[in-house]
Amino acid sequence: MSAHCMLTGARPGFGNRVSHSHRRTSRRFDPNIQTKRYWLPSEGRYIRLRLSTKGIRTVDAIGVEAAVARIRARGVKV
């Protein structure tokens, strides 16, 4: 599964590991992705979302209905 947030769109960042001798090798900075289950009252069912921790805080602030509307507006199937 790809490490990206369904709500915020956060994706891995890329950079370099730098050793003691200063040799550089490629690395990834993955976002903190969590799978969370929410009750969606309008559809009478639970939905499972893959969100970053910032995305979880956003759902807590705006509500699950508004968050699902934003996710669907981005073209992601819920």
PDB file of N, CA and C in Angstrom:
ATOM      1  N   MET A   1       0.837  -1.192   0.000  1.00  0.00           N
ATOM      2  CA  MET A   1       0.000   0.000   0.000  1.00  0.00           C
ATOM      3  C   MET A   1       0.874   1.243   0.000  1.00  0.00           C
ATOM      4  N   SER A   2       0.450   2.238  -0.737  1.00  0.00           N
ATOM      5  CA  SER A   2       1.235   3.453  -0.794  1.00  0.00           C
ATOM      6  C   SER A   2       1.054   4.253   0.493  1.00  0.00           C
ATOM      7  N   ALA A   3       2.101   4.916   0.891  1.00  0.00           N
ATOM      8  CA  ALA A   3       2.076   5.685   2.133  1.00  0.00           C
ATOM      9  C   ALA A   3       1.608   7.096   1.833  1.00  0.00           C
ATOM     10  N   HIS A   4       0.283   7.263   1.642  1.00  0.00           N
ATOM     11  CA  HIS A   4      -0.237   8.612   1.464  1.00  0.00           C
ATOM     12  C   HIS A   4      -1.561   8.751   2.197  1.00  0.00           C
ATOM     13  N   CYS A   5      -1.868   9.980   2.590  1.00  0.00           N
ATOM     14  CA  CYS A   5      -3.068  10.294   3.359  1.00  0.00           C
ATOM     15  C   CYS A   5      -4.221  10.574   2.406  1.00  0.00           C
ATOM     16  N   MET A   6      -5.377   9.973   2.676  1.00  0.00           N
ATOM     17  CA  MET A   6      -6.540  10.161   1.814  1.00  0.00           C
ATOM     18  C   MET A   6      -7.086  11.592   1.913  1.00  0.00           C
ATOM     19  N   LEU A   7      -6.914  12.256   3.050  1.00  0.00           N
ATOM     20  CA  LEU A   7      -7.489  13.586   3.259  1.00  0.00           C
ATOM     21  C   LEU A   7      -6.519  14.707   2.892  1.00  0.00           C
ATOM     22  N   THR A   8      -5.336  14.673   3.452  1.00  0.00           N
ATOM     23  CA  THR A   8      -4.396  15.775   3.236  1.00  0.00           C
ATOM     24  C   THR A   8      -3.526  15.570   1.994  1.00  0.00           C
ATOM     25  N   GLY A   9      -3.434  14.329   1.511  1.00  0.00           N
ATOM     26  CA  GLY A   9      -2.604  14.048   0.352  1.00  0.00           C
ATOM     27  C   GLY A   9      -1.122  13.976   0.674  1.00  0.00           C
ATOM     28  N   ALA A  10      -0.783  13.873   1.961  1.00  0.00           N
ATOM     29  CA  ALA A  10       0.626  13.793   2.351  1.00  0.00           C
ATOM     30  C   ALA A  10       1.255  12.537   1.760  1.00  0.00           C
ATOM     31  N   ARG A  11       2.398  12.697   1.124  1.00  0.00           N
ATOM     32  CA  ARG A  11       3.124  11.584   0.498  1.00  0.00           C
ATOM     33  C   ARG A  11       4.547  11.557   1.031  1.00  0.00           C
ATOM     34  N   PRO A  12       5.269  10.483   0.767  1.00  0.00           N
ATOM     35  CA  PRO A  12       6.654  10.422   1.252  1.00  0.00           C
ATOM     36  C   PRO A  12       7.512  11.530   0.665  1.00  0.00           C
ATOM     37  N   GLY A  13       8.419  12.026   1.493  1.00  0.00           N
ATOM     38  CA  GLY A  13       9.438  12.949   1.029  1.00  0.00           C
ATOM     39  C   GLY A  13      10.716  12.161   0.799  1.00  0.00           C
ATOM     40  N   PHE A  14      11.594  12.662  -0.025  1.00  0.00           N
ATOM     41  CA  PHE A  14      12.820  11.935  -0.331  1.00  0.00           C
ATOM     42  C   PHE A  14      14.021  12.787   0.010  1.00  0.00           C
ATOM     43  N   GLY A  15      15.089  12.121   0.407  1.00  0.00           N
ATOM     44  CA  GLY A  15      16.314  12.822   0.757  1.00  0.00           C
ATOM     45  C   GLY A  15      17.477  11.860   0.770  1.00  0.00           C
ATOM     46  N   ASN A  16      18.497  12.202   1.520  1.00  0.00           N
ATOM     47  CA  ASN A  16      19.694  11.385   1.591  1.00  0.00           C
ATOM     48  C   ASN A  16      20.030  11.024   3.020  1.00  0.00           C
ATOM     49  N   ARG A  17      20.493   9.764   3.196  1.00  0.00           N
ATOM     50  CA  ARG A  17      21.172   9.401   4.436  1.00  0.00           C
ATOM     51  C   ARG A  17      22.608   9.870   4.268  1.00  0.00           C
ATOM     52  N   VAL A  18      23.177  10.423   5.310  1.00  0.00           N
ATOM     53  CA  VAL A  18      24.567  10.877   5.228  1.00  0.00           C
ATOM     54  C   VAL A  18      25.345  10.140   6.309  1.00  0.00           C
ATOM     55  N   SER A  19      26.297   9.319   5.889  1.00  0.00           N
ATOM     56  CA  SER A  19      27.071   8.522   6.833  1.00  0.00           C
ATOM     57  C   SER A  19      28.145   9.380   7.496  1.00  0.00           C
ATOM     58  N   HIS A  20      28.862   8.759   8.409  1.00  0.00           N
ATOM     59  CA  HIS A  20      29.936   9.457   9.105  1.00  0.00           C
ATOM     60  C   HIS A  20      31.003   9.933   8.119  1.00  0.00           C
ATOM     61  N   SER A  21      31.239   9.134   7.075  1.00  0.00           N
ATOM     62  CA  SER A  21      32.241   9.518   6.076  1.00  0.00           C
ATOM     63  C   SER A  21      31.657  10.462   5.027  1.00  0.00           C
ATOM     64  N   HIS A  22      30.408  10.848   5.217  1.00  0.00           N
ATOM     65  CA  HIS A  22      29.695  11.804   4.374  1.00  0.00           C
ATOM     66  C   HIS A  22      29.288  11.230   3.018  1.00  0.00           C
ATOM     67  N   ARG A  23      29.200   9.889   2.917  1.00  0.00           N
ATOM     68  CA  ARG A  23      28.650   9.274   1.710  1.00  0.00           C
ATOM     69  C   ARG A  23      27.145   9.404   1.773  1.00  0.00           C
ATOM     70  N   ARG A  24      26.514   9.650   0.631  1.00  0.00           N
ATOM     71  CA  ARG A  24      25.072   9.871   0.596  1.00  0.00           C
ATOM     72  C   ARG A  24      24.372   8.711  -0.108  1.00  0.00           C
ATOM     73  N   THR A  25      23.305   8.215   0.525  1.00  0.00           N
ATOM     74  CA  THR A  25      22.454   7.211  -0.084  1.00  0.00           C
ATOM     75  C   THR A  25      21.005   7.672   0.055  1.00  0.00           C
ATOM     76  N   SER A  26      20.177   7.222  -0.848  1.00  0.00           N
ATOM     77  CA  SER A  26      18.790   7.693  -0.902  1.00  0.00           C
ATOM     78  C   SER A  26      17.963   7.126   0.247  1.00  0.00           C
ATOM     79  N   ARG A  27      16.997   7.886   0.720  1.00  0.00           N
ATOM     80  CA  ARG A  27      16.081   7.436   1.763  1.00  0.00           C
ATOM     81  C   ARG A  27      14.727   8.092   1.578  1.00  0.00           C
ATOM     82  N   ARG A  28      13.719   7.566   2.305  1.00  0.00           N
ATOM     83  CA  ARG A  28      12.355   8.104   2.258  1.00  0.00           C
ATOM     84  C   ARG A  28      11.948   8.590   3.639  1.00  0.00           C
ATOM     85  N   PHE A  29      11.228   9.702   3.677  1.00  0.00           N
ATOM     86  CA  PHE A  29      10.607  10.183   4.904  1.00  0.00           C
ATOM     87  C   PHE A  29       9.115   9.917   4.759  1.00  0.00           C
ATOM     88  N   ASP A  30       8.631   8.813   5.331  1.00  0.00           N
ATOM     89  CA  ASP A  30       7.221   8.447   5.202  1.00  0.00           C
ATOM     90  C   ASP A  30       6.360   9.230   6.185  1.00  0.00           C
ATOM     91  N   PRO A  31       5.160   9.647   5.772  1.00  0.00           N
ATOM     92  CA  PRO A  31       4.236  10.280   6.715  1.00  0.00           C
ATOM     93  C   PRO A  31       3.710   9.237   7.697  1.00  0.00           C
ATOM     94  N   ASN A  32       3.263   9.690   8.852  1.00  0.00           N
ATOM     95  CA  ASN A  32       2.758   8.792   9.895  1.00  0.00           C
ATOM     96  C   ASN A  32       1.322   8.403   9.540  1.00  0.00           C
ATOM     97  N   ILE A  33       1.167   7.330   8.762  1.00  0.00           N
ATOM     98  CA  ILE A  33      -0.141   6.894   8.267  1.00  0.00           C
ATOM     99  C   ILE A  33      -0.759   5.898   9.238  1.00  0.00           C
ATOM    100  N   GLN A  34      -2.008   6.151   9.605  1.00  0.00           N
ATOM    101  CA  GLN A  34      -2.773   5.277  10.495  1.00  0.00           C
ATOM    102  C   GLN A  34      -4.073   4.890   9.795  1.00  0.00           C
ATOM    103  N   THR A  35      -4.553   3.683  10.058  1.00  0.00           N
ATOM    104  CA  THR A  35      -5.853   3.262   9.557  1.00  0.00           C
ATOM    105  C   THR A  35      -6.859   3.490  10.668  1.00  0.00           C
ATOM    106  N   LYS A  36      -7.922   4.236  10.372  1.00  0.00           N
ATOM    107  CA  LYS A  36      -8.905   4.578  11.393  1.00  0.00           C
ATOM    108  C   LYS A  36     -10.297   4.335  10.850  1.00  0.00           C
ATOM    109  N   ARG A  37     -11.183   3.832  11.722  1.00  0.00           N
ATOM    110  CA  ARG A  37     -12.543   3.512  11.334  1.00  0.00           C
ATOM    111  C   ARG A  37     -13.480   4.567  11.908  1.00  0.00           C
ATOM    112  N   TYR A  38     -14.337   5.116  11.066  1.00  0.00           N
ATOM    113  CA  TYR A  38     -15.293   6.153  11.478  1.00  0.00           C
ATOM    114  C   TYR A  38     -16.703   5.695  11.123  1.00  0.00           C
ATOM    115  N   TRP A  39     -17.669   6.097  11.947  1.00  0.00           N
ATOM    116  CA  TRP A  39     -19.080   5.866  11.655  1.00  0.00           C
ATOM    117  C   TRP A  39     -19.565   7.013  10.780  1.00  0.00           C
ATOM    118  N   LEU A  40     -20.158   6.675   9.638  1.00  0.00           N
ATOM    119  CA  LEU A  40     -20.679   7.662   8.705  1.00  0.00           C
ATOM    120  C   LEU A  40     -22.198   7.637   8.815  1.00  0.00           C
ATOM    121  N   PRO A  41     -22.793   8.554   9.598  1.00  0.00           N
ATOM    122  CA  PRO A  41     -24.233   8.493   9.867  1.00  0.00           C
ATOM    123  C   PRO A  41     -25.100   8.632   8.624  1.00  0.00           C
ATOM    124  N   SER A  42     -24.680   9.439   7.650  1.00  0.00           N
ATOM    125  CA  SER A  42     -25.511   9.659   6.464  1.00  0.00           C
ATOM    126  C   SER A  42     -25.700   8.387   5.642  1.00  0.00           C
ATOM    127  N   GLU A  43     -24.705   7.485   5.676  1.00  0.00           N
ATOM    128  CA  GLU A  43     -24.809   6.237   4.927  1.00  0.00           C
ATOM    129  C   GLU A  43     -25.095   5.043   5.816  1.00  0.00           C
ATOM    130  N   GLY A  44     -25.111   5.261   7.139  1.00  0.00           N
ATOM    131  CA  GLY A  44     -25.412   4.193   8.078  1.00  0.00           C
ATOM    132  C   GLY A  44     -24.400   3.063   8.075  1.00  0.00           C
ATOM    133  N   ARG A  45     -23.117   3.398   7.900  1.00  0.00           N
ATOM    134  CA  ARG A  45     -22.085   2.365   7.863  1.00  0.00           C
ATOM    135  C   ARG A  45     -20.755   2.934   8.369  1.00  0.00           C
ATOM    136  N   TYR A  46     -19.853   2.014   8.669  1.00  0.00           N
ATOM    137  CA  TYR A  46     -18.506   2.403   9.034  1.00  0.00           C
ATOM    138  C   TYR A  46     -17.667   2.534   7.762  1.00  0.00           C
ATOM    139  N   ILE A  47     -16.705   3.450   7.805  1.00  0.00           N
ATOM    140  CA  ILE A  47     -15.739   3.571   6.721  1.00  0.00           C
ATOM    141  C   ILE A  47     -14.347   3.491   7.334  1.00  0.00           C
ATOM    142  N   ARG A  48     -13.431   2.937   6.581  1.00  0.00           N
ATOM    143  CA  ARG A  48     -12.050   2.799   7.040  1.00  0.00           C
ATOM    144  C   ARG A  48     -11.190   3.745   6.207  1.00  0.00           C
ATOM    145  N   LEU A  49     -10.516   4.674   6.879  1.00  0.00           N
ATOM    146  CA  LEU A  49      -9.708   5.676   6.192  1.00  0.00           C
ATOM    147  C   LEU A  49      -8.242   5.515   6.554  1.00  0.00           C
ATOM    148  N   ARG A  50      -7.360   5.713   5.576  1.00  0.00           N
ATOM    149  CA  ARG A  50      -5.918   5.731   5.810  1.00  0.00           C
ATOM    150  C   ARG A  50      -5.495   7.189   5.883  1.00  0.00           C
ATOM    151  N   LEU A  51      -5.237   7.658   7.102  1.00  0.00           N
ATOM    152  CA  LEU A  51      -4.983   9.077   7.338  1.00  0.00           C
ATOM    153  C   LEU A  51      -3.644   9.282   8.026  1.00  0.00           C
ATOM    154  N   SER A  52      -3.036  10.424   7.755  1.00  0.00           N
ATOM    155  CA  SER A  52      -1.883  10.849   8.542  1.00  0.00           C
ATOM    156  C   SER A  52      -2.419  11.356   9.874  1.00  0.00           C
ATOM    157  N   THR A  53      -1.542  11.525  10.841  1.00  0.00           N
ATOM    158  CA  THR A  53      -1.993  12.015  12.147  1.00  0.00           C
ATOM    159  C   THR A  53      -2.559  13.427  12.021  1.00  0.00           C
ATOM    160  N   LYS A  54      -2.032  14.230  11.110  1.00  0.00           N
ATOM    161  CA  LYS A  54      -2.610  15.551  10.859  1.00  0.00           C
ATOM    162  C   LYS A  54      -4.014  15.406  10.271  1.00  0.00           C
ATOM    163  N   GLY A  55      -4.221  14.413   9.410  1.00  0.00           N
ATOM    164  CA  GLY A  55      -5.536  14.152   8.840  1.00  0.00           C
ATOM    165  C   GLY A  55      -6.542  13.735   9.903  1.00  0.00           C
ATOM    166  N   ILE A  56      -6.104  12.953  10.885  1.00  0.00           N
ATOM    167  CA  ILE A  56      -6.985  12.538  11.981  1.00  0.00           C
ATOM    168  C   ILE A  56      -7.420  13.754  12.791  1.00  0.00           C
ATOM    169  N   ARG A  57      -6.487  14.658  13.070  1.00  0.00           N
ATOM    170  CA  ARG A  57      -6.839  15.879  13.799  1.00  0.00           C
ATOM    171  C   ARG A  57      -7.790  16.747  12.984  1.00  0.00           C
ATOM    172  N   THR A  58      -7.630  16.758  11.668  1.00  0.00           N
ATOM    173  CA  THR A  58      -8.527  17.522  10.800  1.00  0.00           C
ATOM    174  C   THR A  58      -9.937  16.953  10.858  1.00  0.00           C
ATOM    175  N   VAL A  59     -10.075  15.618  10.825  1.00  0.00           N
ATOM    176  CA  VAL A  59     -11.397  14.989  10.925  1.00  0.00           C
ATOM    177  C   VAL A  59     -12.032  15.326  12.264  1.00  0.00           C
ATOM    178  N   ASP A  60     -11.243  15.332  13.335  1.00  0.00           N
ATOM    179  CA  ASP A  60     -11.770  15.689  14.654  1.00  0.00           C
ATOM    180  C   ASP A  60     -12.280  17.127  14.668  1.00  0.00           C
ATOM    181  N   ALA A  61     -11.630  18.010  13.922  1.00  0.00           N
ATOM    182  CA  ALA A  61     -12.004  19.422  13.935  1.00  0.00           C
ATOM    183  C   ALA A  61     -13.222  19.709  13.054  1.00  0.00           C
ATOM    184  N   ILE A  62     -13.258  19.145  11.832  1.00  0.00           N
ATOM    185  CA  ILE A  62     -14.328  19.507  10.892  1.00  0.00           C
ATOM    186  C   ILE A  62     -15.466  18.506  10.852  1.00  0.00           C
ATOM    187  N   GLY A  63     -15.241  17.312  11.392  1.00  0.00           N
ATOM    188  CA  GLY A  63     -16.280  16.283  11.384  1.00  0.00           C
ATOM    189  C   GLY A  63     -16.084  15.309  10.235  1.00  0.00           C
ATOM    190  N   VAL A  64     -16.610  14.106  10.424  1.00  0.00           N
ATOM    191  CA  VAL A  64     -16.378  13.034   9.454  1.00  0.00           C
ATOM    192  C   VAL A  64     -17.127  13.286   8.143  1.00  0.00           C
ATOM    193  N   GLU A  65     -18.314  13.892   8.197  1.00  0.00           N
ATOM    194  CA  GLU A  65     -19.086  14.151   6.964  1.00  0.00           C
ATOM    195  C   GLU A  65     -18.340  15.119   6.050  1.00  0.00           C
ATOM    196  N   ALA A  66     -17.836  16.208   6.620  1.00  0.00           N
ATOM    197  CA  ALA A  66     -17.100  17.196   5.825  1.00  0.00           C
ATOM    198  C   ALA A  66     -15.790  16.607   5.307  1.00  0.00           C
ATOM    199  N   ALA A  67     -15.148  15.780   6.122  1.00  0.00           N
ATOM    200  CA  ALA A  67     -13.890  15.164   5.702  1.00  0.00           C
ATOM    201  C   ALA A  67     -14.117  14.216   4.535  1.00  0.00           C
ATOM    202  N   VAL A  68     -15.189  13.416   4.594  1.00  0.00           N
ATOM    203  CA  VAL A  68     -15.493  12.491   3.497  1.00  0.00           C
ATOM    204  C   VAL A  68     -15.839  13.273   2.232  1.00  0.00           C
ATOM    205  N   ALA A  69     -16.521  14.399   2.382  1.00  0.00           N
ATOM    206  CA  ALA A  69     -16.826  15.233   1.219  1.00  0.00           C
ATOM    207  C   ALA A  69     -15.540  15.748   0.572  1.00  0.00           C
ATOM    208  N   ARG A  70     -14.562  16.154   1.381  1.00  0.00           N
ATOM    209  CA  ARG A  70     -13.273  16.616   0.852  1.00  0.00           C
ATOM    210  C   ARG A  70     -12.520  15.485   0.162  1.00  0.00           C
ATOM    211  N   ILE A  71     -12.570  14.289   0.764  1.00  0.00           N
ATOM    212  CA  ILE A  71     -11.862  13.146   0.185  1.00  0.00           C
ATOM    213  C   ILE A  71     -12.482  12.799  -1.166  1.00  0.00           C
ATOM    214  N   ARG A  72     -13.806  12.788  -1.233  1.00  0.00           N
ATOM    215  CA  ARG A  72     -14.480  12.471  -2.500  1.00  0.00           C
ATOM    216  C   ARG A  72     -14.234  13.556  -3.537  1.00  0.00           C
ATOM    217  N   ALA A  73     -14.102  14.813  -3.108  1.00  0.00           N
ATOM    218  CA  ALA A  73     -13.813  15.905  -4.037  1.00  0.00           C
ATOM    219  C   ALA A  73     -12.433  15.735  -4.674  1.00  0.00           C
ATOM    220  N   ARG A  74     -11.507  15.093  -3.946  1.00  0.00           N
ATOM    221  CA  ARG A  74     -10.182  14.821  -4.493  1.00  0.00           C
ATOM    222  C   ARG A  74     -10.195  13.650  -5.459  1.00  0.00           C
ATOM    223  N   GLY A  75     -11.334  12.957  -5.549  1.00  0.00           N
ATOM    224  CA  GLY A  75     -11.466  11.834  -6.473  1.00  0.00           C
ATOM    225  C   GLY A  75     -11.103  10.490  -5.895  1.00  0.00           C
ATOM    226  N   VAL A  76     -11.028  10.405  -4.561  1.00  0.00           N
ATOM    227  CA  VAL A  76     -10.689   9.141  -3.898  1.00  0.00           C
ATOM    228  C   VAL A  76     -11.970   8.422  -3.539  1.00  0.00           C
ATOM    229  N   LYS A  77     -12.034   7.125  -3.822  1.00  0.00           N
ATOM    230  CA  LYS A  77     -13.231   6.330  -3.518  1.00  0.00           C
ATOM    231  C   LYS A  77     -13.237   5.991  -2.035  1.00  0.00           C
ATOM    232  N   VAL A  78     -14.402   6.207  -1.385  1.00  0.00           N
ATOM    233  CA  VAL A  78     -14.546   5.893   0.041  1.00  0.00           C
ATOM    234  C   VAL A  78     -15.573   4.807   0.189  1.00  0.00           C
TER     235      VAL A  78
END
